[in-house]
C-alpha atoms as a PDB file:
ATOM      1  CA  UNK A   1     -14.641 -78.366 119.217  1.00  0.00           C
ATOM      2  CA  UNK A   2     -15.016 -75.782 122.101  1.00  0.00           C
ATOM      3  CA  UNK A   3     -11.549 -74.803 123.736  1.00  0.00           C
ATOM      4  CA  UNK A   4     -11.523 -73.335 127.259  1.00  0.00           C
ATOM      5  CA  UNK A   5      -8.314 -70.735 128.446  1.00  0.00           C
ATOM      6  CA  UNK A   6      -8.194 -70.067 132.154  1.00  0.00           C
ATOM      7  CA  UNK A   7      -5.872 -67.292 132.806  1.00  0.00           C
ATOM      8  CA  UNK A   8      -4.532 -67.353 136.296  1.00  0.00           C
ATOM      9  CA  UNK A   9      -2.508 -64.622 138.169  1.00  0.00           C
ATOM     10  CA  UNK A  10       0.124 -65.754 140.854  1.00  0.00           C
ATOM     11  CA  UNK A  11      -0.723 -65.949 144.531  1.00  0.00           C
ATOM     12  CA  UNK A  12       0.300 -62.892 146.837  1.00  0.00           C
ATOM     13  CA  UNK A  13       3.839 -63.345 147.382  1.00  0.00           C
ATOM     14  CA  UNK A  14       6.109 -62.406 149.722  1.00  0.00           C
ATOM     15  CA  UNK A  15       8.772 -60.157 149.346  1.00  0.00           C
ATOM     16  CA  UNK A  16      11.862 -61.189 151.222  1.00  0.00           C
ATOM     17  CA  UNK A  17      15.250 -59.351 151.606  1.00  0.00           C
ATOM     18  CA  UNK A  18      17.723 -59.696 149.195  1.00  0.00           C
ATOM     19  CA  UNK A  19      15.998 -62.223 147.425  1.00  0.00           C
ATOM     20  CA  UNK A  20      15.158 -61.685 143.266  1.00  0.00           C
ATOM     21  CA  UNK A  21      11.618 -60.797 141.962  1.00  0.00           C
ATOM     22  CA  UNK A  22      12.098 -64.067 140.041  1.00  0.00           C
ATOM     23  CA  UNK A  23      12.951 -66.185 143.013  1.00  0.00           C
ATOM     24  CA  UNK A  24      10.038 -64.600 145.465  1.00  0.00           C
ATOM     25  CA  UNK A  25       8.281 -67.392 147.052  1.00  0.00           C
ATOM     26  CA  UNK A  26       4.028 -67.164 148.208  1.00  0.00           C
ATOM     27  CA  UNK A  27       3.220 -65.255 151.293  1.00  0.00           C
ATOM     28  CA  UNK A  28       0.751 -67.539 153.509  1.00  0.00           C
ATOM     29  CA  UNK A  29      -2.112 -65.582 152.099  1.00  0.00           C
ATOM     30  CA  UNK A  30      -0.864 -66.668 148.725  1.00  0.00           C
ATOM     31  CA  UNK A  31      -0.871 -69.968 149.557  1.00  0.00           C
ATOM     32  CA  UNK A  32      -4.173 -70.351 151.003  1.00  0.00           C
ATOM     33  CA  UNK A  33      -6.058 -68.256 148.082  1.00  0.00           C
ATOM     34  CA  UNK A  34      -4.243 -70.295 145.546  1.00  0.00           C
ATOM     35  CA  UNK A  35      -5.473 -73.678 147.272  1.00  0.00           C
ATOM     36  CA  UNK A  36      -9.272 -71.836 147.003  1.00  0.00           C
ATOM     37  CA  UNK A  37      -8.511 -71.004 143.437  1.00  0.00           C
ATOM     38  CA  UNK A  38      -7.818 -74.990 142.840  1.00  0.00           C
ATOM     39  CA  UNK A  39     -10.868 -75.579 144.695  1.00  0.00           C
ATOM     40  CA  UNK A  40     -12.975 -73.642 142.515  1.00  0.00           C
ATOM     41  CA  UNK A  41     -11.207 -74.910 139.604  1.00  0.00           C
ATOM     42  CA  UNK A  42     -12.063 -78.633 140.277  1.00  0.00           C
ATOM     43  CA  UNK A  43     -15.928 -77.448 140.828  1.00  0.00           C
ATOM     44  CA  UNK A  44     -15.996 -75.608 137.812  1.00  0.00           C
ATOM     45  CA  UNK A  45     -13.679 -77.114 135.496  1.00  0.00           C
ATOM     46  CA  UNK A  46     -14.133 -80.833 134.971  1.00  0.00           C
ATOM     47  CA  UNK A  47     -10.741 -81.318 133.197  1.00  0.00           C
ATOM     48  CA  UNK A  48      -7.686 -79.088 132.555  1.00  0.00           C
ATOM     49  CA  UNK A  49      -5.838 -80.959 129.946  1.00  0.00           C
ATOM     50  CA  UNK A  50      -2.224 -78.876 130.255  1.00  0.00           C
ATOM     51  CA  UNK A  51      -0.677 -75.937 131.722  1.00  0.00           C
ATOM     52  CA  UNK A  52       1.605 -73.506 130.725  1.00  0.00           C
ATOM     53  CA  UNK A  53       3.519 -71.971 134.043  1.00  0.00           C
ATOM     54  CA  UNK A  54       5.920 -69.364 133.986  1.00  0.00           C
ATOM     55  CA  UNK A  55       9.456 -70.339 135.957  1.00  0.00           C
ATOM     56  CA  UNK A  56       9.192 -67.721 138.565  1.00  0.00           C
ATOM     57  CA  UNK A  57       9.051 -69.426 142.097  1.00  0.00           C
ATOM     58  CA  UNK A  58       5.815 -67.393 142.922  1.00  0.00           C
ATOM     59  CA  UNK A  59       3.807 -68.756 140.172  1.00  0.00           C
ATOM     60  CA  UNK A  60       5.191 -72.593 140.360  1.00  0.00           C
ATOM     61  CA  UNK A  61       4.185 -72.144 144.169  1.00  0.00           C
ATOM     62  CA  UNK A  62       1.145 -71.222 143.140  1.00  0.00           C
ATOM     63  CA  UNK A  63       0.506 -74.105 140.602  1.00  0.00           C
ATOM     64  CA  UNK A  64       1.014 -76.572 143.357  1.00  0.00           C
ATOM     65  CA  UNK A  65      -0.760 -75.128 146.033  1.00  0.00           C
ATOM     66  CA  UNK A  66      -4.216 -75.114 143.539  1.00  0.00           C
ATOM     67  CA  UNK A  67      -3.300 -79.158 143.198  1.00  0.00           C
ATOM     68  CA  UNK A  68      -4.246 -79.282 139.510  1.00  0.00           C
ATOM     69  CA  UNK A  69      -2.283 -82.718 138.429  1.00  0.00           C
ATOM     70  CA  UNK A  70      -2.566 -81.592 134.709  1.00  0.00           C
ATOM     71  CA  UNK A  71       0.817 -81.798 132.550  1.00  0.00           C
ATOM     72  CA  UNK A  72       3.089 -78.913 133.044  1.00  0.00           C
ATOM     73  CA  UNK A  73       5.157 -77.138 130.579  1.00  0.00           C
ATOM     74  CA  UNK A  74       7.088 -74.244 132.700  1.00  0.00           C
ATOM     75  CA  UNK A  75       7.740 -71.274 130.208  1.00  0.00           C
ATOM     76  CA  UNK A  76      10.584 -68.504 131.169  1.00  0.00           C
ATOM     77  CA  UNK A  77       8.773 -66.585 128.651  1.00  0.00           C
ATOM     78  CA  UNK A  78       5.347 -65.824 130.580  1.00  0.00           C
ATOM     79  CA  UNK A  79       7.684 -63.955 133.038  1.00  0.00           C
ATOM     80  CA  UNK A  80       7.169 -60.092 132.498  1.00  0.00           C
ATOM     81  CA  UNK A  81       5.244 -61.026 129.155  1.00  0.00           C
ATOM     82  CA  UNK A  82       3.353 -58.591 126.674  1.00  0.00           C
ATOM     83  CA  UNK A  83      -0.212 -59.751 125.815  1.00  0.00           C
ATOM     84  CA  UNK A  84       1.296 -60.477 122.316  1.00  0.00           C
ATOM     85  CA  UNK A  85       3.864 -63.178 123.680  1.00  0.00           C
ATOM     86  CA  UNK A  86       1.371 -65.033 126.184  1.00  0.00           C
ATOM     87  CA  UNK A  87      -1.260 -64.929 122.882  1.00  0.00           C
ATOM     88  CA  UNK A  88       1.499 -66.684 120.869  1.00  0.00           C
ATOM     89  CA  UNK A  89       2.179 -69.552 123.547  1.00  0.00           C
ATOM     90  CA  UNK A  90      -1.825 -69.966 123.372  1.00  0.00           C
ATOM     91  CA  UNK A  91      -1.951 -70.514 119.496  1.00  0.00           C
ATOM     92  CA  UNK A  92       0.809 -72.861 120.028  1.00  0.00           C
ATOM     93  CA  UNK A  93      -1.085 -75.095 122.311  1.00  0.00           C
ATOM     94  CA  UNK A  94      -1.538 -78.690 120.989  1.00  0.00           C
ATOM     95  CA  UNK A  95      -4.776 -78.954 119.230  1.00  0.00           C
ATOM     96  CA  UNK A  96      -5.972 -81.989 121.262  1.00  0.00           C
ATOM     97  CA  UNK A  97      -5.985 -79.880 124.490  1.00  0.00           C
ATOM     98  CA  UNK A  98      -9.533 -78.295 125.100  1.00  0.00           C
ATOM     99  CA  UNK A  99      -8.822 -76.621 128.777  1.00  0.00           C
ATOM    100  CA  UNK A 100      -5.692 -74.897 129.074  1.00  0.00           C
ATOM    101  CA  UNK A 101      -4.630 -72.632 132.266  1.00  0.00           C
ATOM    102  CA  UNK A 102      -2.026 -70.439 131.892  1.00  0.00           C
ATOM    103  CA  UNK A 103      -0.045 -69.206 135.534  1.00  0.00           C
ATOM    104  CA  UNK A 104       1.559 -65.829 135.333  1.00  0.00           C
ATOM    105  CA  UNK A 105       1.980 -62.360 136.311  1.00  0.00           C
ATOM    106  CA  UNK A 106       0.347 -58.819 136.442  1.00  0.00           C
ATOM    107  CA  UNK A 107      -0.014 -57.286 134.023  1.00  0.00           C
ATOM    108  CA  UNK A 108       0.312 -59.822 131.660  1.00  0.00           C
ATOM    109  CA  UNK A 109      -2.732 -61.746 132.731  1.00  0.00           C
ATOM    110  CA  UNK A 110      -5.271 -59.014 132.858  1.00  0.00           C
ATOM    111  CA  UNK A 111      -4.095 -57.411 129.746  1.00  0.00           C
ATOM    112  CA  UNK A 112      -4.213 -60.709 127.600  1.00  0.00           C
ATOM    113  CA  UNK A 113      -7.734 -61.492 129.390  1.00  0.00           C
ATOM    114  CA  UNK A 114      -8.711 -58.048 127.941  1.00  0.00           C
ATOM    115  CA  UNK A 115      -7.194 -58.477 125.030  1.00  0.00           C
ATOM    116  CA  UNK A 116      -8.826 -61.931 123.929  1.00  0.00           C
ATOM    117  CA  UNK A 117     -12.014 -61.099 125.253  1.00  0.00           C
ATOM    118  CA  UNK A 118     -14.842 -60.248 122.289  1.00  0.00           C
ATOM    119  CA  UNK A 119     -17.342 -59.496 125.028  1.00  0.00           C
ATOM    120  CA  UNK A 120     -15.772 -56.531 126.949  1.00  0.00           C
ATOM    121  CA  UNK A 121     -19.305 -55.369 128.209  1.00  0.00           C
ATOM    122  CA  UNK A 122     -20.075 -58.429 130.150  1.00  0.00           C
ATOM    123  CA  UNK A 123     -20.688 -58.478 133.643  1.00  0.00           C
ATOM    124  CA  UNK A 124     -17.358 -60.798 133.701  1.00  0.00           C
ATOM    125  CA  UNK A 125     -15.526 -58.103 132.154  1.00  0.00           C
ATOM    126  CA  UNK A 126     -16.922 -55.418 134.324  1.00  0.00           C
ATOM    127  CA  UNK A 127     -15.494 -57.139 137.527  1.00  0.00           C
ATOM    128  CA  UNK A 128     -11.976 -57.763 136.071  1.00  0.00           C
ATOM    129  CA  UNK A 129     -11.400 -54.432 134.754  1.00  0.00           C
ATOM    130  CA  UNK A 130     -12.024 -53.215 138.250  1.00  0.00           C
ATOM    131  CA  UNK A 131      -9.174 -55.092 139.614  1.00  0.00           C
ATOM    132  CA  UNK A 132      -7.288 -58.321 138.559  1.00  0.00           C
ATOM    133  CA  UNK A 133      -5.702 -58.967 142.097  1.00  0.00           C
ATOM    134  CA  UNK A 134      -3.509 -62.312 143.004  1.00  0.00           C
ATOM    135  CA  UNK A 135      -4.745 -65.383 142.514  1.00  0.00           C
ATOM    136  CA  UNK A 136      -7.636 -64.005 140.273  1.00  0.00           C
ATOM    137  CA  UNK A 137      -8.928 -66.136 137.465  1.00  0.00           C
ATOM    138  CA  UNK A 138     -10.415 -65.466 133.735  1.00  0.00           C
ATOM    139  CA  UNK A 139     -12.356 -67.842 132.112  1.00  0.00           C
ATOM    140  CA  UNK A 140     -12.297 -67.468 128.376  1.00  0.00           C
ATOM    141  CA  UNK A 141     -13.813 -69.905 125.359  1.00  0.00           C
ATOM    142  CA  UNK A 142     -13.270 -70.016 122.029  1.00  0.00           C
ATOM    143  CA  UNK A 143     -14.943 -71.766 119.204  1.00  0.00           C
ATOM    144  CA  UNK A 144     -11.963 -72.405 116.896  1.00  0.00           C
ATOM    145  CA  UNK A 145      -8.354 -73.893 117.115  1.00  0.00           C
ATOM    146  CA  UNK A 146      -5.853 -72.729 119.308  1.00  0.00           C
ATOM    147  CA  UNK A 147      -3.987 -71.423 116.390  1.00  0.00           C
ATOM    148  CA  UNK A 148      -7.092 -69.024 115.558  1.00  0.00           C
ATOM    149  CA  UNK A 149      -7.023 -67.478 119.046  1.00  0.00           C
ATOM    150  CA  UNK A 150      -6.648 -64.316 118.280  1.00  0.00           C
ATOM    151  CA  UNK A 151      -7.332 -60.892 119.673  1.00  0.00           C
ATOM    152  CA  UNK A 152     -11.113 -60.412 120.216  1.00  0.00           C
ATOM    153  CA  UNK A 153     -12.102 -64.202 118.887  1.00  0.00           C
ATOM    154  CA  UNK A 154     -12.415 -65.325 123.061  1.00  0.00           C
ATOM    155  CA  UNK A 155     -15.796 -64.873 125.258  1.00  0.00           C
ATOM    156  CA  UNK A 156     -15.044 -63.930 128.678  1.00  0.00           C
ATOM    157  CA  UNK A 157     -17.309 -66.285 130.433  1.00  0.00           C
ATOM    158  CA  UNK A 158     -16.419 -65.926 133.766  1.00  0.00           C
ATOM    159  CA  UNK A 159     -14.099 -63.850 136.750  1.00  0.00           C
ATOM    160  CA  UNK A 160     -13.211 -65.163 140.030  1.00  0.00           C
ATOM    161  CA  UNK A 161     -11.285 -63.888 142.719  1.00  0.00           C
ATOM    162  CA  UNK A 162     -10.830 -66.379 145.513  1.00  0.00           C
ATOM    163  CA  UNK A 163     -11.212 -65.465 149.111  1.00  0.00           C
END
C-alpha cells in the first residue's frame, strides 16, 4: 500500500508582547494562508486519514484554519523537534493510515522533508530548497509501511506554497 506524508509548516504567526513562543497565535495573514492550504489539500489529497499536530497555539490554529477534519493527535514532541524525532513519530503511525498530515515548525518541517526525500534533484526539491515559508506543504510518497519510512526512502512529489 502506498503511503503519503504531508509536512506542513504552521501559518504566519503574530508576535504579541509578553506572549511566550509556544503560545503565539496566528497573524491574519497566517489565518488566510492556512485556509488556502486547506483548499489546496482538499483539491489534491482526497482523503487525509490522520493528523499529527504540535501543541503550539499557532500550529493548532493553522490546522483549524485548514478545515481538515481527520482525527488529530496533538504531540508536544513536534515543537522544536529534530528530523530524527519527527521521523520516529511518522514511523509510529498506525498502518491503517494511508495519508498522514504533520503540522509543525521550521526548521523541523523542511529538514525532515529533505531527510526523507530520495529525489533531491527534482523540481519540487529545488523549489523547497529555496525556501520553506509559513503554510508551505511538502508531499512525500512511500512504497513501504510507516515503520520503514527511513531517511532517503520517500519520493518528494509536490511542494506547495499557498498564496
